[in-house]
Amino acid sequence: MPKKIAPMTDTQIKNAKPQSKDYPIYDGNGLLLLIKSTGTKIWQFRYYRPITNNRTTVSFGSYPEVSLQQARKQRDEARELIKQGIDLQEHKTEQEQLKQEAISNTFYSMAERWLKFKTEQGLEEQTLKKAWRSLENHVFPYIKDIPINQVTVIKAINALQPLNNNNKYETVKRVCRRINEIMYYAVNMGIIDNNPLAKITDVFNSPKVRNQPTISPTKLPQFMQALSMANIELQTRCVIEWQLLTLTRPSEEVWGKLMV
């Protein structure tokens, strides 16, 4: 029958003095405190690796930085992982890799990858430049260096609140759309599991709908007559007539697309 180990106490730990050789104080279930000859006290956990069944030791940190209660909690969590067939050292390595990936996958770096993806898709250069400029002005100053998996609704709201306070509701709506495109890109790339900002637009005031002024068909002849007699440059008159014929904005038309 295994010898029963009495759990250690805080008093016992504080009173443990260094000796000529290192020695352990046991707490049970694999946890021990190694008293070094230098006076350092290190928490260790001994266990059998699930696959090889070889006995090994991992460190939980030093005392008093890690308290007795904290060391026991780490011990209990480690035992649960072992029950699931998970090796502690491999688990620690995986967690470190995930941590490094989170640091490298900031919102800004993900935005750069999104921009590259959209460029390769063939989106208009001017459209992408405008989108990137809005991110530089209203988003990056607040969440640029935050890992993409740590971008929360509150952080995004704080970034866009100044725009909302200045009644820039249409701009808020557009920026929200661009933020969500980046977040969904991260989801599709497997960087994050879901997009917590999907409904962020609902938090802000809605833009007021303003109907653009129009000319009824019955008044169009009168307008054309007034245009022909107006004291304006010929180029201006031609542009207006061109827009009436093509129904395009001047900024949208490209000379290479015109049929001559």
C-alpha atoms as a PDB file:
ATOM      1  CA  MET A   1       0.000   0.000   0.000  1.00  0.00           C
ATOM      2  CA  PRO A   2       1.482   3.391  -1.010  1.00  0.00           C
ATOM      3  CA  LYS A   3       2.671   5.548   1.839  1.00  0.00           C
ATOM      4  CA  LYS A   4       0.240   8.381   2.550  1.00  0.00           C
ATOM      5  CA  ILE A   5       1.855  11.806   2.204  1.00  0.00           C
ATOM      6  CA  ALA A   6       0.720  14.588   4.513  1.00  0.00           C
ATOM      7  CA  PRO A   7       0.030  17.794   2.546  1.00  0.00           C
ATOM      8  CA  MET A   8       2.602  20.522   3.141  1.00  0.00           C
ATOM      9  CA  THR A   9       1.685  23.795   4.838  1.00  0.00           C
ATOM     10  CA  ASP A  10       2.702  27.409   4.268  1.00  0.00           C
ATOM     11  CA  THR A  11       4.503  27.394   7.611  1.00  0.00           C
ATOM     12  CA  GLN A  12       6.484  24.312   6.599  1.00  0.00           C
ATOM     13  CA  ILE A  13       7.487  25.974   3.335  1.00  0.00           C
ATOM     14  CA  LYS A  14       8.564  29.224   5.005  1.00  0.00           C
ATOM     15  CA  ASN A  15      10.600  27.351   7.610  1.00  0.00           C
ATOM     16  CA  ALA A  16      12.371  25.124   5.058  1.00  0.00           C
ATOM     17  CA  LYS A  17      16.076  26.054   5.115  1.00  0.00           C
ATOM     18  CA  PRO A  18      18.733  25.252   2.488  1.00  0.00           C
ATOM     19  CA  GLN A  19      21.083  22.363   3.195  1.00  0.00           C
ATOM     20  CA  SER A  20      24.313  21.165   1.644  1.00  0.00           C
ATOM     21  CA  LYS A  21      22.281  19.232  -0.947  1.00  0.00           C
ATOM     22  CA  ASP A  22      18.965  19.859  -2.662  1.00  0.00           C
ATOM     23  CA  TYR A  23      16.010  18.132  -1.004  1.00  0.00           C
ATOM     24  CA  PRO A  24      12.250  17.877  -1.683  1.00  0.00           C
ATOM     25  CA  ILE A  25       9.141  18.517   0.387  1.00  0.00           C
ATOM     26  CA  TYR A  26       6.235  16.449  -0.929  1.00  0.00           C
ATOM     27  CA  ASP A  27       2.599  17.536  -1.140  1.00  0.00           C
ATOM     28  CA  GLY A  28       1.149  14.442  -2.784  1.00  0.00           C
ATOM     29  CA  ASN A  29      -0.200  13.501  -6.236  1.00  0.00           C
ATOM     30  CA  GLY A  30       3.140  14.287  -7.858  1.00  0.00           C
ATOM     31  CA  LEU A  31       3.621  17.812  -6.485  1.00  0.00           C
ATOM     32  CA  LEU A  32       6.782  18.690  -4.567  1.00  0.00           C
ATOM     33  CA  LEU A  33       8.793  21.743  -3.589  1.00  0.00           C
ATOM     34  CA  LEU A  34      12.517  21.375  -4.278  1.00  0.00           C
ATOM     35  CA  ILE A  35      14.642  23.261  -1.744  1.00  0.00           C
ATOM     36  CA  LYS A  36      17.887  24.138  -3.514  1.00  0.00           C
ATOM     37  CA  SER A  37      21.194  24.464  -1.679  1.00  0.00           C
ATOM     38  CA  THR A  38      21.230  28.092  -2.866  1.00  0.00           C
ATOM     39  CA  GLY A  39      18.004  28.774  -0.966  1.00  0.00           C
ATOM     40  CA  THR A  40      15.760  28.866  -4.058  1.00  0.00           C
ATOM     41  CA  LYS A  41      12.472  26.953  -3.731  1.00  0.00           C
ATOM     42  CA  ILE A  42      11.095  25.464  -6.968  1.00  0.00           C
ATOM     43  CA  TRP A  43       7.732  23.793  -7.552  1.00  0.00           C
ATOM     44  CA  GLN A  44       7.946  20.541  -9.503  1.00  0.00           C
ATOM     45  CA  PHE A  45       5.432  18.015 -10.731  1.00  0.00           C
ATOM     46  CA  ARG A  46       6.426  14.432 -11.466  1.00  0.00           C
ATOM     47  CA  TYR A  47       4.300  12.301 -13.754  1.00  0.00           C
ATOM     48  CA  TYR A  48       4.361   9.452 -16.253  1.00  0.00           C
ATOM     49  CA  ARG A  49       4.125  10.536 -19.889  1.00  0.00           C
ATOM     50  CA  PRO A  50       0.898   9.143 -21.423  1.00  0.00           C
ATOM     51  CA  ILE A  51       2.488   7.631 -24.548  1.00  0.00           C
ATOM     52  CA  THR A  52       5.939   6.407 -23.436  1.00  0.00           C
ATOM     53  CA  ASN A  53       5.050   5.859 -19.760  1.00  0.00           C
ATOM     54  CA  ASN A  54       8.453   7.318 -18.875  1.00  0.00           C
ATOM     55  CA  ARG A  55       8.647   9.292 -15.657  1.00  0.00           C
ATOM     56  CA  THR A  56       9.497  12.961 -16.089  1.00  0.00           C
ATOM     57  CA  THR A  57       9.350  16.274 -14.239  1.00  0.00           C
ATOM     58  CA  VAL A  58       8.019  19.723 -15.131  1.00  0.00           C
ATOM     59  CA  SER A  59       8.468  22.995 -13.256  1.00  0.00           C
ATOM     60  CA  PHE A  60       5.583  25.160 -12.049  1.00  0.00           C
ATOM     61  CA  GLY A  61       7.746  28.140 -11.079  1.00  0.00           C
ATOM     62  CA  SER A  62       9.391  29.224  -7.853  1.00  0.00           C
ATOM     63  CA  TYR A  63       8.081  30.048  -4.391  1.00  0.00           C
ATOM     64  CA  PRO A  64       6.874  32.597  -3.251  1.00  0.00           C
ATOM     65  CA  GLU A  65       6.077  33.907  -6.783  1.00  0.00           C
ATOM     66  CA  VAL A  66       3.863  30.824  -7.147  1.00  0.00           C
ATOM     67  CA  SER A  67       1.963  30.137  -3.925  1.00  0.00           C
ATOM     68  CA  LEU A  68       1.065  26.730  -2.518  1.00  0.00           C
ATOM     69  CA  GLN A  69      -2.555  27.167  -3.649  1.00  0.00           C
ATOM     70  CA  GLN A  70      -1.473  28.139  -7.180  1.00  0.00           C
ATOM     71  CA  ALA A  71       0.924  25.192  -7.421  1.00  0.00           C
ATOM     72  CA  ARG A  72      -1.830  22.791  -6.351  1.00  0.00           C
ATOM     73  CA  LYS A  73      -4.147  24.262  -8.973  1.00  0.00           C
ATOM     74  CA  GLN A  74      -1.512  23.719 -11.669  1.00  0.00           C
ATOM     75  CA  ARG A  75      -1.016  20.167 -10.392  1.00  0.00           C
ATOM     76  CA  ASP A  76      -4.744  19.411 -10.600  1.00  0.00           C
ATOM     77  CA  GLU A  77      -4.995  20.888 -14.111  1.00  0.00           C
ATOM     78  CA  ALA A  78      -1.982  18.836 -15.194  1.00  0.00           C
ATOM     79  CA  ARG A  79      -3.510  15.633 -13.852  1.00  0.00           C
ATOM     80  CA  GLU A  80      -6.699  16.312 -15.841  1.00  0.00           C
ATOM     81  CA  LEU A  81      -4.673  16.698 -19.033  1.00  0.00           C
ATOM     82  CA  ILE A  82      -2.834  13.449 -18.344  1.00  0.00           C
ATOM     83  CA  LYS A  83      -6.158  11.648 -17.852  1.00  0.00           C
ATOM     84  CA  GLN A  84      -7.070  12.802 -21.370  1.00  0.00           C
ATOM     85  CA  GLY A  85      -3.828  11.355 -22.730  1.00  0.00           C
ATOM     86  CA  ILE A  86      -2.245  14.790 -23.241  1.00  0.00           C
ATOM     87  CA  ASP A  87       1.469  15.122 -22.552  1.00  0.00           C
ATOM     88  CA  LEU A  88       2.254  18.207 -20.456  1.00  0.00           C
ATOM     89  CA  GLN A  89       5.461  19.148 -22.249  1.00  0.00           C
ATOM     90  CA  GLU A  90       3.849  18.887 -25.687  1.00  0.00           C
ATOM     91  CA  HIS A  91       0.835  20.830 -24.411  1.00  0.00           C
ATOM     92  CA  LYS A  92       3.112  23.587 -23.099  1.00  0.00           C
ATOM     93  CA  THR A  93       4.912  23.788 -26.457  1.00  0.00           C
ATOM     94  CA  GLU A  94       1.601  24.023 -28.326  1.00  0.00           C
ATOM     95  CA  GLN A  95       0.358  26.767 -25.996  1.00  0.00           C
ATOM     96  CA  GLU A  96       3.559  28.760 -26.554  1.00  0.00           C
ATOM     97  CA  GLN A  97       3.142  28.410 -30.317  1.00  0.00           C
ATOM     98  CA  LEU A  98      -0.458  29.620 -30.094  1.00  0.00           C
ATOM     99  CA  LYS A  99       0.694  32.557 -27.986  1.00  0.00           C
ATOM    100  CA  GLN A 100       3.337  33.520 -30.554  1.00  0.00           C
ATOM    101  CA  GLU A 101       0.813  33.185 -33.384  1.00  0.00           C
ATOM    102  CA  ALA A 102      -1.588  35.475 -31.516  1.00  0.00           C
ATOM    103  CA  ILE A 103       1.173  38.071 -31.107  1.00  0.00           C
ATOM    104  CA  SER A 104       2.090  37.951 -34.804  1.00  0.00           C
ATOM    105  CA  ASN A 105      -1.552  37.918 -35.994  1.00  0.00           C
ATOM    106  CA  THR A 106      -2.419  41.455 -34.950  1.00  0.00           C
ATOM    107  CA  PHE A 107      -5.385  43.311 -36.392  1.00  0.00           C
ATOM    108  CA  TYR A 108      -2.994  45.372 -38.521  1.00  0.00           C
ATOM    109  CA  SER A 109      -1.161  42.358 -39.969  1.00  0.00           C
ATOM    110  CA  MET A 110      -4.514  40.711 -40.733  1.00  0.00           C
ATOM    111  CA  ALA A 111      -5.687  43.931 -42.407  1.00  0.00           C
ATOM    112  CA  GLU A 112      -2.578  43.866 -44.612  1.00  0.00           C
ATOM    113  CA  ARG A 113      -3.318  40.284 -45.653  1.00  0.00           C
ATOM    114  CA  TRP A 114      -6.947  41.233 -46.347  1.00  0.00           C
ATOM    115  CA  LEU A 115      -5.810  44.162 -48.511  1.00  0.00           C
ATOM    116  CA  LYS A 116      -3.463  41.903 -50.490  1.00  0.00           C
ATOM    117  CA  PHE A 117      -6.283  39.389 -50.977  1.00  0.00           C
ATOM    118  CA  LYS A 118      -8.691  42.076 -52.210  1.00  0.00           C
ATOM    119  CA  THR A 119      -6.028  43.466 -54.560  1.00  0.00           C
ATOM    120  CA  GLU A 120      -5.470  40.019 -56.059  1.00  0.00           C
ATOM    121  CA  GLN A 121      -9.232  39.715 -56.524  1.00  0.00           C
ATOM    122  CA  GLY A 122      -9.064  42.728 -58.819  1.00  0.00           C
ATOM    123  CA  LEU A 123     -10.891  45.366 -56.773  1.00  0.00           C
ATOM    124  CA  GLU A 124     -10.450  48.943 -57.949  1.00  0.00           C
ATOM    125  CA  GLU A 125      -7.232  50.486 -56.627  1.00  0.00           C
ATOM    126  CA  GLN A 126      -8.932  53.748 -55.663  1.00  0.00           C
ATOM    127  CA  THR A 127     -11.627  51.886 -53.726  1.00  0.00           C
ATOM    128  CA  LEU A 128      -9.015  49.970 -51.745  1.00  0.00           C
ATOM    129  CA  LYS A 129      -6.960  53.109 -51.109  1.00  0.00           C
ATOM    130  CA  LYS A 130     -10.028  54.851 -49.720  1.00  0.00           C
ATOM    131  CA  ALA A 131     -10.838  51.842 -47.516  1.00  0.00           C
ATOM    132  CA  TRP A 132      -7.271  51.672 -46.190  1.00  0.00           C
ATOM    133  CA  ARG A 133      -7.217  55.417 -45.502  1.00  0.00           C
ATOM    134  CA  SER A 134     -10.376  55.129 -43.404  1.00  0.00           C
ATOM    135  CA  LEU A 135      -8.764  52.329 -41.379  1.00  0.00           C
ATOM    136  CA  GLU A 136      -5.635  54.435 -40.851  1.00  0.00           C
ATOM    137  CA  ASN A 137      -7.693  57.408 -39.698  1.00  0.00           C
ATOM    138  CA  HIS A 138     -10.302  55.738 -37.511  1.00  0.00           C
ATOM    139  CA  VAL A 139      -9.272  52.181 -36.557  1.00  0.00           C
ATOM    140  CA  PHE A 140      -5.516  51.544 -36.479  1.00  0.00           C
ATOM    141  CA  PRO A 141      -4.789  54.205 -33.827  1.00  0.00           C
ATOM    142  CA  TYR A 142      -6.940  52.181 -31.404  1.00  0.00           C
ATOM    143  CA  ILE A 143      -6.594  48.458 -32.230  1.00  0.00           C
ATOM    144  CA  LYS A 144      -3.644  48.220 -34.635  1.00  0.00           C
ATOM    145  CA  ASP A 145      -1.378  46.144 -32.364  1.00  0.00           C
ATOM    146  CA  ILE A 146      -4.063  44.028 -30.672  1.00  0.00           C
ATOM    147  CA  PRO A 147      -3.984  40.290 -31.571  1.00  0.00           C
ATOM    148  CA  ILE A 148      -6.924  39.530 -33.864  1.00  0.00           C
ATOM    149  CA  ASN A 149      -8.313  36.983 -31.390  1.00  0.00           C
ATOM    150  CA  GLN A 150      -8.389  39.664 -28.670  1.00  0.00           C
ATOM    151  CA  VAL A 151     -10.304  42.307 -30.638  1.00  0.00           C
ATOM    152  CA  THR A 152     -13.516  42.741 -28.660  1.00  0.00           C
ATOM    153  CA  VAL A 153     -16.739  44.620 -29.270  1.00  0.00           C
ATOM    154  CA  ILE A 154     -15.851  47.172 -26.578  1.00  0.00           C
ATOM    155  CA  LYS A 155     -12.457  47.926 -28.161  1.00  0.00           C
ATOM    156  CA  ALA A 156     -14.033  48.399 -31.580  1.00  0.00           C
ATOM    157  CA  ILE A 157     -16.814  50.594 -30.162  1.00  0.00           C
ATOM    158  CA  ASN A 158     -14.248  52.800 -28.407  1.00  0.00           C
ATOM    159  CA  ALA A 159     -12.423  53.212 -31.715  1.00  0.00           C
ATOM    160  CA  LEU A 160     -15.537  54.324 -33.603  1.00  0.00           C
ATOM    161  CA  GLN A 161     -17.260  56.326 -30.870  1.00  0.00           C
ATOM    162  CA  PRO A 162     -15.567  59.643 -31.823  1.00  0.00           C
ATOM    163  CA  LEU A 163     -17.030  59.357 -35.338  1.00  0.00           C
ATOM    164  CA  ASN A 164     -20.452  58.575 -33.927  1.00  0.00           C
ATOM    165  CA  ASN A 165     -20.242  61.515 -31.514  1.00  0.00           C
ATOM    166  CA  ASN A 166     -19.505  63.805 -34.476  1.00  0.00           C
ATOM    167  CA  ASN A 167     -22.613  62.543 -36.303  1.00  0.00           C
ATOM    168  CA  LYS A 168     -20.487  60.812 -38.968  1.00  0.00           C
ATOM    169  CA  TYR A 169     -22.989  57.967 -39.139  1.00  0.00           C
ATOM    170  CA  GLU A 170     -22.396  57.058 -42.783  1.00  0.00           C
ATOM    171  CA  THR A 171     -18.644  56.883 -42.169  1.00  0.00           C
ATOM    172  CA  VAL A 172     -19.213  54.691 -39.109  1.00  0.00           C
ATOM    173  CA  LYS A 173     -21.293  52.321 -41.215  1.00  0.00           C
ATOM    174  CA  ARG A 174     -18.608  52.050 -43.908  1.00  0.00           C
ATOM    175  CA  VAL A 175     -15.783  51.550 -41.419  1.00  0.00           C
ATOM    176  CA  CYS A 176     -17.790  48.867 -39.593  1.00  0.00           C
ATOM    177  CA  ARG A 177     -18.193  47.069 -42.898  1.00  0.00           C
ATOM    178  CA  ARG A 178     -14.443  47.149 -43.534  1.00  0.00           C
ATOM    179  CA  ILE A 179     -13.629  45.956 -40.026  1.00  0.00           C
ATOM    180  CA  ASN A 180     -16.018  43.052 -40.479  1.00  0.00           C
ATOM    181  CA  GLU A 181     -14.471  42.129 -43.824  1.00  0.00           C
ATOM    182  CA  ILE A 182     -11.104  41.812 -42.079  1.00  0.00           C
ATOM    183  CA  MET A 183     -12.567  39.816 -39.197  1.00  0.00           C
ATOM    184  CA  TYR A 184     -14.396  37.422 -41.530  1.00  0.00           C
ATOM    185  CA  TYR A 185     -11.212  37.032 -43.564  1.00  0.00           C
ATOM    186  CA  ALA A 186      -9.470  35.925 -40.347  1.00  0.00           C
ATOM    187  CA  VAL A 187     -12.296  33.432 -39.707  1.00  0.00           C
ATOM    188  CA  ASN A 188     -11.998  32.003 -43.224  1.00  0.00           C
ATOM    189  CA  MET A 189      -8.228  31.674 -42.803  1.00  0.00           C
ATOM    190  CA  GLY A 190      -8.709  29.687 -39.590  1.00  0.00           C
ATOM    191  CA  ILE A 191      -7.034  32.338 -37.410  1.00  0.00           C
ATOM    192  CA  ILE A 192     -10.129  32.897 -35.236  1.00  0.00           C
ATOM    193  CA  ASP A 193     -13.201  30.734 -34.697  1.00  0.00           C
ATOM    194  CA  ASN A 194     -15.853  33.437 -35.056  1.00  0.00           C
ATOM    195  CA  ASN A 195     -16.376  37.147 -35.591  1.00  0.00           C
ATOM    196  CA  PRO A 196     -17.493  38.898 -32.377  1.00  0.00           C
ATOM    197  CA  LEU A 197     -18.015  42.183 -34.256  1.00  0.00           C
ATOM    198  CA  ALA A 198     -20.658  40.876 -36.672  1.00  0.00           C
ATOM    199  CA  LYS A 199     -23.447  43.061 -35.208  1.00  0.00           C
ATOM    200  CA  ILE A 200     -21.370  46.069 -34.203  1.00  0.00           C
ATOM    201  CA  THR A 201     -23.171  48.387 -36.645  1.00  0.00           C
ATOM    202  CA  ASP A 202     -26.340  48.022 -34.550  1.00  0.00           C
ATOM    203  CA  VAL A 203     -24.642  49.805 -31.635  1.00  0.00           C
ATOM    204  CA  PHE A 204     -24.336  53.116 -33.481  1.00  0.00           C
ATOM    205  CA  ASN A 205     -26.891  55.605 -34.749  1.00  0.00           C
ATOM    206  CA  SER A 206     -28.274  54.916 -38.210  1.00  0.00           C
ATOM    207  CA  PRO A 207     -27.547  57.414 -41.005  1.00  0.00           C
ATOM    208  CA  LYS A 208     -30.485  59.636 -41.886  1.00  0.00           C
ATOM    209  CA  VAL A 209     -31.862  58.721 -45.294  1.00  0.00           C
ATOM    210  CA  ARG A 210     -31.922  61.691 -47.643  1.00  0.00           C
ATOM    211  CA  ASN A 211     -33.584  61.317 -51.007  1.00  0.00           C
ATOM    212  CA  GLN A 212     -31.527  62.859 -53.781  1.00  0.00           C
ATOM    213  CA  PRO A 213     -33.328  65.626 -55.746  1.00  0.00           C
ATOM    214  CA  THR A 214     -34.616  64.448 -59.107  1.00  0.00           C
ATOM    215  CA  ILE A 215     -36.130  65.927 -62.264  1.00  0.00           C
ATOM    216  CA  SER A 216     -39.421  64.498 -63.413  1.00  0.00           C
ATOM    217  CA  PRO A 217     -39.629  63.461 -67.103  1.00  0.00           C
ATOM    218  CA  THR A 218     -42.144  66.230 -67.786  1.00  0.00           C
ATOM    219  CA  LYS A 219     -39.663  68.880 -66.610  1.00  0.00           C
ATOM    220  CA  LEU A 220     -36.677  67.460 -68.501  1.00  0.00           C
ATOM    221  CA  PRO A 221     -37.308  69.476 -71.737  1.00  0.00           C
ATOM    222  CA  GLN A 222     -37.464  72.670 -69.674  1.00  0.00           C
ATOM    223  CA  PHE A 223     -34.185  71.710 -67.979  1.00  0.00           C
ATOM    224  CA  MET A 224     -32.459  71.014 -71.320  1.00  0.00           C
ATOM    225  CA  GLN A 225     -33.605  74.371 -72.685  1.00  0.00           C
ATOM    226  CA  ALA A 226     -32.302  76.163 -69.593  1.00  0.00           C
ATOM    227  CA  LEU A 227     -29.026  74.245 -69.896  1.00  0.00           C
ATOM    228  CA  SER A 228     -28.528  75.292 -73.517  1.00  0.00           C
ATOM    229  CA  MET A 229     -29.008  78.949 -72.584  1.00  0.00           C
ATOM    230  CA  ALA A 230     -27.053  78.881 -69.335  1.00  0.00           C
ATOM    231  CA  ASN A 231     -23.968  81.085 -69.023  1.00  0.00           C
ATOM    232  CA  ILE A 232     -21.560  78.211 -68.308  1.00  0.00           C
ATOM    233  CA  GLU A 233     -18.429  76.745 -69.868  1.00  0.00           C
ATOM    234  CA  LEU A 234     -18.935  74.461 -72.862  1.00  0.00           C
ATOM    235  CA  GLN A 235     -17.046  71.704 -71.058  1.00  0.00           C
ATOM    236  CA  THR A 236     -19.431  71.918 -68.094  1.00  0.00           C
ATOM    237  CA  ARG A 237     -22.484  71.720 -70.376  1.00  0.00           C
ATOM    238  CA  CYS A 238     -21.017  68.703 -72.188  1.00  0.00           C
ATOM    239  CA  VAL A 239     -20.309  66.907 -68.912  1.00  0.00           C
ATOM    240  CA  ILE A 240     -23.912  67.410 -67.753  1.00  0.00           C
ATOM    241  CA  GLU A 241     -25.278  66.157 -71.069  1.00  0.00           C
ATOM    242  CA  TRP A 242     -22.899  63.187 -70.928  1.00  0.00           C
ATOM    243  CA  GLN A 243     -24.141  62.254 -67.467  1.00  0.00           C
ATOM    244  CA  LEU A 244     -27.741  62.431 -68.630  1.00  0.00           C
ATOM    245  CA  LEU A 245     -26.937  60.100 -71.513  1.00  0.00           C
ATOM    246  CA  THR A 246     -24.803  57.573 -69.597  1.00  0.00           C
ATOM    247  CA  LEU A 247     -26.175  57.901 -66.024  1.00  0.00           C
ATOM    248  CA  THR A 248     -22.664  57.691 -64.546  1.00  0.00           C
ATOM    249  CA  ARG A 249     -20.723  59.841 -62.114  1.00  0.00           C
ATOM    250  CA  PRO A 250     -17.636  61.586 -63.515  1.00  0.00           C
ATOM    251  CA  SER A 251     -15.436  59.773 -60.967  1.00  0.00           C
ATOM    252  CA  GLU A 252     -16.768  56.377 -62.086  1.00  0.00           C
ATOM    253  CA  GLU A 253     -16.104  56.704 -65.803  1.00  0.00           C
ATOM    254  CA  VAL A 254     -12.788  55.556 -67.264  1.00  0.00           C
ATOM    255  CA  TRP A 255     -11.691  56.680 -70.723  1.00  0.00           C
ATOM    256  CA  GLY A 256     -10.527  53.183 -71.654  1.00  0.00           C
ATOM    257  CA  LYS A 257     -14.064  51.877 -71.124  1.00  0.00           C
ATOM    258  CA  LEU A 258     -15.705  54.395 -73.457  1.00  0.00           C
ATOM    259  CA  MET A 259     -16.878  53.218 -76.854  1.00  0.00           C
ATOM    260  CA  VAL A 260     -15.819  55.709 -79.492  1.00  0.00           C
END
